[in-house]
Amino acid sequence: MNDSLEKVIKSCQEKNRKAQEEIYLQFSSILFSICLRYAENYEDAQDTFQEGFVIIFNKIDQFKFQGSFEGWMKRIMINLSLEKIKKKNTISFDDYENHLQLAIDNESDELPQGYNYQQILETVQHLPPQYRQVFNLYIFEEYSHQEIAELLQISVGTSKSNLSRAKNLLKQKLILLKPIADEKV
């Protein structure tokens, strides 16, 4: 961690509003993208994002300058996102197994190519909650299936199964969309 960031964090721990604004501006895009990946829609992501920053600033004195500050903040946003999903959804992880008939493509585990970030994000947001959680934790946060199982209180097998089903469902949904390459601004 560089000295400049450390000074800003220490100022935040002293409740300095200017330092809080600096942290917000520096990390908001990274943290909001996490909220978007877990939320069902943009408005839910905004709510989680705002609430997450309140938690970050209320608990910033708990950051002990051991490890990554960005990682500490990401963990708060991820945990808050998962907590909100759990409160909103009383559906068990296994409920969809009995209700969805997913076509399994044994030839390839790869997702279709040529889609822009927004298309993929919107498609991920429309996955069933338990698939979206496992997919995000495994693909974006790089958690192992063991870590996911412990965090979500499911079995490792359920984590693997939900990841596979999420990928298959994503494939099916993306195939129906027309790929649009990311535009350079």
C-alpha atoms as a PDB file:
ATOM      1  CA  MET A   1       0.000   0.000   0.000  1.00  0.00           C
ATOM      2  CA  ASN A   2       1.393   3.382  -0.922  1.00  0.00           C
ATOM      3  CA  ASP A   3       1.870   6.116   1.671  1.00  0.00           C
ATOM      4  CA  SER A   4      -0.709   8.392   0.044  1.00  0.00           C
ATOM      5  CA  LEU A   5      -3.509   5.801   0.341  1.00  0.00           C
ATOM      6  CA  GLU A   6      -2.482   5.002   3.899  1.00  0.00           C
ATOM      7  CA  LYS A   7      -2.775   8.692   4.850  1.00  0.00           C
ATOM      8  CA  VAL A   8      -6.222   8.922   3.247  1.00  0.00           C
ATOM      9  CA  ILE A   9      -7.398   5.804   5.106  1.00  0.00           C
ATOM     10  CA  LYS A  10      -6.115   7.190   8.411  1.00  0.00           C
ATOM     11  CA  SER A  11      -7.950  10.448   7.690  1.00  0.00           C
ATOM     12  CA  CYS A  12     -11.110   8.434   7.012  1.00  0.00           C
ATOM     13  CA  GLN A  13     -10.642   6.706  10.356  1.00  0.00           C
ATOM     14  CA  GLU A  14     -10.758  10.200  11.877  1.00  0.00           C
ATOM     15  CA  LYS A  15     -14.089  10.805  10.038  1.00  0.00           C
ATOM     16  CA  ASN A  16     -12.587  13.315   7.580  1.00  0.00           C
ATOM     17  CA  ARG A  17     -15.254  13.914   4.904  1.00  0.00           C
ATOM     18  CA  LYS A  18     -12.747  14.979   2.231  1.00  0.00           C
ATOM     19  CA  ALA A  19     -10.807  11.737   2.724  1.00  0.00           C
ATOM     20  CA  GLN A  20     -14.041   9.724   2.524  1.00  0.00           C
ATOM     21  CA  GLU A  21     -14.853  11.442  -0.756  1.00  0.00           C
ATOM     22  CA  GLU A  22     -11.388  10.584  -2.067  1.00  0.00           C
ATOM     23  CA  ILE A  23     -11.841   6.895  -1.176  1.00  0.00           C
ATOM     24  CA  TYR A  24     -15.295   6.939  -2.737  1.00  0.00           C
ATOM     25  CA  LEU A  25     -14.042   8.460  -5.988  1.00  0.00           C
ATOM     26  CA  GLN A  26     -11.057   6.142  -6.209  1.00  0.00           C
ATOM     27  CA  PHE A  27     -12.899   2.871  -5.590  1.00  0.00           C
ATOM     28  CA  SER A  28     -16.537   3.481  -6.524  1.00  0.00           C
ATOM     29  CA  SER A  29     -16.402   2.025 -10.038  1.00  0.00           C
ATOM     30  CA  ILE A  30     -14.735  -1.204  -8.879  1.00  0.00           C
ATOM     31  CA  LEU A  31     -17.140  -1.664  -5.986  1.00  0.00           C
ATOM     32  CA  PHE A  32     -20.244  -0.742  -7.968  1.00  0.00           C
ATOM     33  CA  SER A  33     -19.366  -3.345 -10.599  1.00  0.00           C
ATOM     34  CA  ILE A  34     -19.419  -5.969  -7.828  1.00  0.00           C
ATOM     35  CA  CYS A  35     -22.863  -4.784  -6.727  1.00  0.00           C
ATOM     36  CA  LEU A  36     -24.115  -4.930 -10.315  1.00  0.00           C
ATOM     37  CA  ARG A  37     -22.944  -8.521 -10.730  1.00  0.00           C
ATOM     38  CA  TYR A  38     -24.900  -9.716  -7.703  1.00  0.00           C
ATOM     39  CA  ALA A  39     -28.014  -7.538  -7.958  1.00  0.00           C
ATOM     40  CA  GLU A  40     -31.091  -8.380  -9.967  1.00  0.00           C
ATOM     41  CA  ASN A  41     -31.258  -4.862 -11.367  1.00  0.00           C
ATOM     42  CA  TYR A  42     -29.525  -1.484 -11.415  1.00  0.00           C
ATOM     43  CA  GLU A  43     -31.619  -0.014  -8.598  1.00  0.00           C
ATOM     44  CA  ASP A  44     -30.838  -2.924  -6.255  1.00  0.00           C
ATOM     45  CA  ALA A  45     -27.151  -2.527  -7.102  1.00  0.00           C
ATOM     46  CA  GLN A  46     -27.318   1.185  -6.234  1.00  0.00           C
ATOM     47  CA  ASP A  47     -28.955   0.405  -2.874  1.00  0.00           C
ATOM     48  CA  THR A  48     -26.327  -2.198  -2.024  1.00  0.00           C
ATOM     49  CA  PHE A  49     -23.536   0.123  -3.167  1.00  0.00           C
ATOM     50  CA  GLN A  50     -24.742   3.008  -0.976  1.00  0.00           C
ATOM     51  CA  GLU A  51     -25.294   0.763   2.019  1.00  0.00           C
ATOM     52  CA  GLY A  52     -21.904  -0.842   1.461  1.00  0.00           C
ATOM     53  CA  PHE A  53     -20.102   2.488   1.573  1.00  0.00           C
ATOM     54  CA  VAL A  54     -21.892   3.375   4.796  1.00  0.00           C
ATOM     55  CA  ILE A  55     -20.613   0.106   6.272  1.00  0.00           C
ATOM     56  CA  ILE A  56     -17.106   0.729   4.919  1.00  0.00           C
ATOM     57  CA  PHE A  57     -16.909   4.179   6.507  1.00  0.00           C
ATOM     58  CA  ASN A  58     -18.479   2.986   9.767  1.00  0.00           C
ATOM     59  CA  LYS A  59     -16.032   0.073  10.025  1.00  0.00           C
ATOM     60  CA  ILE A  60     -12.936   1.674   8.494  1.00  0.00           C
ATOM     61  CA  ASP A  61     -11.311   1.858  11.924  1.00  0.00           C
ATOM     62  CA  GLN A  62     -11.333  -1.971  11.866  1.00  0.00           C
ATOM     63  CA  PHE A  63      -8.971  -1.983   8.867  1.00  0.00           C
ATOM     64  CA  LYS A  64      -5.550  -2.796  10.362  1.00  0.00           C
ATOM     65  CA  PHE A  65      -3.364  -2.100   7.288  1.00  0.00           C
ATOM     66  CA  GLN A  66      -2.692  -5.809   6.871  1.00  0.00           C
ATOM     67  CA  GLY A  67      -3.516  -6.927   3.364  1.00  0.00           C
ATOM     68  CA  SER A  68      -5.246  -5.072   0.579  1.00  0.00           C
ATOM     69  CA  PHE A  69      -7.599  -2.209   1.439  1.00  0.00           C
ATOM     70  CA  GLU A  70      -9.378  -2.745  -1.876  1.00  0.00           C
ATOM     71  CA  GLY A  71      -9.798  -6.436  -1.028  1.00  0.00           C
ATOM     72  CA  TRP A  72     -11.197  -5.507   2.393  1.00  0.00           C
ATOM     73  CA  MET A  73     -13.781  -3.224   0.766  1.00  0.00           C
ATOM     74  CA  LYS A  74     -14.641  -5.835  -1.890  1.00  0.00           C
ATOM     75  CA  ARG A  75     -15.267  -8.407   0.828  1.00  0.00           C
ATOM     76  CA  ILE A  76     -17.722  -6.008   2.506  1.00  0.00           C
ATOM     77  CA  MET A  77     -19.602  -5.443  -0.776  1.00  0.00           C
ATOM     78  CA  ILE A  78     -19.697  -9.157  -1.614  1.00  0.00           C
ATOM     79  CA  ASN A  79     -20.899 -10.143   1.854  1.00  0.00           C
ATOM     80  CA  LEU A  80     -23.545  -7.410   1.831  1.00  0.00           C
ATOM     81  CA  SER A  81     -24.709  -8.478  -1.635  1.00  0.00           C
ATOM     82  CA  LEU A  82     -25.004 -12.101  -0.533  1.00  0.00           C
ATOM     83  CA  GLU A  83     -26.796 -11.090   2.661  1.00  0.00           C
ATOM     84  CA  LYS A  84     -29.364  -9.089   0.669  1.00  0.00           C
ATOM     85  CA  ILE A  85     -29.941 -12.026  -1.677  1.00  0.00           C
ATOM     86  CA  LYS A  86     -30.455 -14.390   1.254  1.00  0.00           C
ATOM     87  CA  LYS A  87     -32.981 -12.031   2.851  1.00  0.00           C
ATOM     88  CA  LYS A  88     -34.850 -11.540  -0.414  1.00  0.00           C
ATOM     89  CA  ASN A  89     -34.913 -15.146  -1.542  1.00  0.00           C
ATOM     90  CA  THR A  90     -36.079 -18.028   0.542  1.00  0.00           C
ATOM     91  CA  ILE A  91     -35.520 -20.439  -2.347  1.00  0.00           C
ATOM     92  CA  SER A  92     -33.115 -23.253  -1.542  1.00  0.00           C
ATOM     93  CA  PHE A  93     -30.161 -23.952  -3.779  1.00  0.00           C
ATOM     94  CA  ASP A  94     -31.593 -27.278  -4.779  1.00  0.00           C
ATOM     95  CA  ASP A  95     -35.127 -26.078  -5.675  1.00  0.00           C
ATOM     96  CA  TYR A  96     -34.223 -25.196  -9.248  1.00  0.00           C
ATOM     97  CA  GLU A  97     -32.655 -28.613  -9.863  1.00  0.00           C
ATOM     98  CA  ASN A  98     -36.144 -30.113  -9.851  1.00  0.00           C
ATOM     99  CA  HIS A  99     -37.743 -27.382 -11.974  1.00  0.00           C
ATOM    100  CA  LEU A 100     -35.274 -26.464 -14.690  1.00  0.00           C
ATOM    101  CA  GLN A 101     -34.338 -28.720 -17.574  1.00  0.00           C
ATOM    102  CA  LEU A 102     -31.045 -27.330 -18.844  1.00  0.00           C
ATOM    103  CA  ALA A 103     -29.437 -28.571 -22.026  1.00  0.00           C
ATOM    104  CA  ILE A 104     -25.905 -29.633 -21.157  1.00  0.00           C
ATOM    105  CA  ASP A 105     -23.339 -29.079 -23.847  1.00  0.00           C
ATOM    106  CA  ASN A 106     -20.740 -31.802 -23.301  1.00  0.00           C
ATOM    107  CA  GLU A 107     -18.517 -30.580 -26.116  1.00  0.00           C
ATOM    108  CA  SER A 108     -17.464 -27.257 -24.632  1.00  0.00           C
ATOM    109  CA  ASP A 109     -17.481 -25.491 -21.290  1.00  0.00           C
ATOM    110  CA  GLU A 110     -16.729 -22.147 -22.952  1.00  0.00           C
ATOM    111  CA  LEU A 111     -19.238 -19.325 -23.117  1.00  0.00           C
ATOM    112  CA  PRO A 112     -20.035 -17.883 -26.556  1.00  0.00           C
ATOM    113  CA  GLN A 113     -17.688 -15.083 -27.666  1.00  0.00           C
ATOM    114  CA  GLY A 114     -18.304 -11.614 -29.103  1.00  0.00           C
ATOM    115  CA  TYR A 115     -20.636 -10.155 -26.476  1.00  0.00           C
ATOM    116  CA  ASN A 116     -19.952  -6.847 -24.781  1.00  0.00           C
ATOM    117  CA  TYR A 117     -19.694  -6.399 -21.034  1.00  0.00           C
ATOM    118  CA  GLN A 118     -23.198  -4.917 -20.725  1.00  0.00           C
ATOM    119  CA  GLN A 119     -24.819  -7.882 -22.495  1.00  0.00           C
ATOM    120  CA  ILE A 120     -22.997 -10.380 -20.289  1.00  0.00           C
ATOM    121  CA  LEU A 121     -23.750  -8.399 -17.120  1.00  0.00           C
ATOM    122  CA  GLU A 122     -27.464  -8.191 -17.917  1.00  0.00           C
ATOM    123  CA  THR A 123     -27.562 -11.891 -18.706  1.00  0.00           C
ATOM    124  CA  VAL A 124     -25.798 -12.753 -15.440  1.00  0.00           C
ATOM    125  CA  GLN A 125     -28.251 -10.528 -13.533  1.00  0.00           C
ATOM    126  CA  HIS A 126     -31.126 -12.629 -14.879  1.00  0.00           C
ATOM    127  CA  LEU A 127     -29.722 -15.929 -13.657  1.00  0.00           C
ATOM    128  CA  PRO A 128     -31.565 -17.538 -10.741  1.00  0.00           C
ATOM    129  CA  PRO A 129     -30.046 -16.150  -7.502  1.00  0.00           C
ATOM    130  CA  GLN A 130     -28.214 -19.302  -6.423  1.00  0.00           C
ATOM    131  CA  TYR A 131     -26.596 -19.710  -9.854  1.00  0.00           C
ATOM    132  CA  ARG A 132     -25.664 -16.020 -10.004  1.00  0.00           C
ATOM    133  CA  GLN A 133     -24.022 -16.160  -6.573  1.00  0.00           C
ATOM    134  CA  VAL A 134     -21.887 -19.192  -7.332  1.00  0.00           C
ATOM    135  CA  PHE A 135     -21.010 -17.910 -10.823  1.00  0.00           C
ATOM    136  CA  ASN A 136     -19.886 -14.517  -9.492  1.00  0.00           C
ATOM    137  CA  LEU A 137     -17.930 -15.938  -6.582  1.00  0.00           C
ATOM    138  CA  TYR A 138     -16.154 -18.498  -8.761  1.00  0.00           C
ATOM    139  CA  ILE A 139     -15.570 -16.498 -11.958  1.00  0.00           C
ATOM    140  CA  PHE A 140     -15.122 -12.920 -10.740  1.00  0.00           C
ATOM    141  CA  GLU A 141     -13.990 -13.265  -7.127  1.00  0.00           C
ATOM    142  CA  GLU A 142     -11.963 -16.428  -7.864  1.00  0.00           C
ATOM    143  CA  TYR A 143     -13.199 -18.336  -4.830  1.00  0.00           C
ATOM    144  CA  SER A 144     -12.702 -22.096  -4.774  1.00  0.00           C
ATOM    145  CA  HIS A 145     -15.722 -24.388  -4.621  1.00  0.00           C
ATOM    146  CA  GLN A 146     -14.757 -25.198  -1.016  1.00  0.00           C
ATOM    147  CA  GLU A 147     -14.774 -21.480  -0.102  1.00  0.00           C
ATOM    148  CA  ILE A 148     -18.114 -20.970  -1.880  1.00  0.00           C
ATOM    149  CA  ALA A 149     -19.603 -23.968  -0.102  1.00  0.00           C
ATOM    150  CA  GLU A 150     -18.556 -22.612   3.297  1.00  0.00           C
ATOM    151  CA  LEU A 151     -19.700 -19.060   2.541  1.00  0.00           C
ATOM    152  CA  LEU A 152     -23.112 -20.064   1.175  1.00  0.00           C
ATOM    153  CA  GLN A 153     -23.550 -23.076   3.490  1.00  0.00           C
ATOM    154  CA  ILE A 154     -23.982 -25.537   0.634  1.00  0.00           C
ATOM    155  CA  SER A 155     -22.062 -28.628  -0.380  1.00  0.00           C
ATOM    156  CA  VAL A 156     -19.071 -28.505  -2.729  1.00  0.00           C
ATOM    157  CA  GLY A 157     -21.067 -30.646  -5.159  1.00  0.00           C
ATOM    158  CA  THR A 158     -23.927 -28.137  -5.150  1.00  0.00           C
ATOM    159  CA  SER A 159     -21.443 -25.335  -5.811  1.00  0.00           C
ATOM    160  CA  LYS A 160     -20.005 -27.198  -8.797  1.00  0.00           C
ATOM    161  CA  SER A 161     -23.456 -28.129 -10.059  1.00  0.00           C
ATOM    162  CA  ASN A 162     -24.743 -24.555  -9.770  1.00  0.00           C
ATOM    163  CA  LEU A 163     -21.691 -23.210 -11.599  1.00  0.00           C
ATOM    164  CA  SER A 164     -22.216 -25.698 -14.408  1.00  0.00           C
ATOM    165  CA  ARG A 165     -25.907 -24.862 -14.629  1.00  0.00           C
ATOM    166  CA  ALA A 166     -25.144 -21.119 -14.567  1.00  0.00           C
ATOM    167  CA  LYS A 167     -22.728 -21.504 -17.481  1.00  0.00           C
ATOM    168  CA  ASN A 168     -25.200 -23.582 -19.456  1.00  0.00           C
ATOM    169  CA  LEU A 169     -28.039 -21.156 -18.827  1.00  0.00           C
ATOM    170  CA  LEU A 170     -25.783 -18.231 -19.770  1.00  0.00           C
ATOM    171  CA  LYS A 171     -24.860 -20.007 -22.996  1.00  0.00           C
ATOM    172  CA  GLN A 172     -28.497 -20.553 -23.843  1.00  0.00           C
ATOM    173  CA  LYS A 173     -29.424 -16.934 -23.147  1.00  0.00           C
ATOM    174  CA  LEU A 174     -26.401 -15.440 -24.924  1.00  0.00           C
ATOM    175  CA  ILE A 175     -26.976 -17.523 -28.042  1.00  0.00           C
ATOM    176  CA  LEU A 176     -30.361 -15.810 -28.370  1.00  0.00           C
ATOM    177  CA  LEU A 177     -28.700 -12.369 -28.287  1.00  0.00           C
ATOM    178  CA  LYS A 178     -26.853 -10.789 -31.160  1.00  0.00           C
ATOM    179  CA  PRO A 179     -23.179 -10.271 -30.213  1.00  0.00           C
ATOM    180  CA  ILE A 180     -22.123  -6.628 -30.075  1.00  0.00           C
ATOM    181  CA  ALA A 181     -18.447  -5.877 -29.650  1.00  0.00           C
ATOM    182  CA  ASP A 182     -17.429  -3.350 -26.986  1.00  0.00           C
ATOM    183  CA  GLU A 183     -17.258   0.102 -28.485  1.00  0.00           C
ATOM    184  CA  LYS A 184     -14.179   2.235 -27.844  1.00  0.00           C
ATOM    185  CA  VAL A 185     -14.957   5.686 -26.521  1.00  0.00           C
END
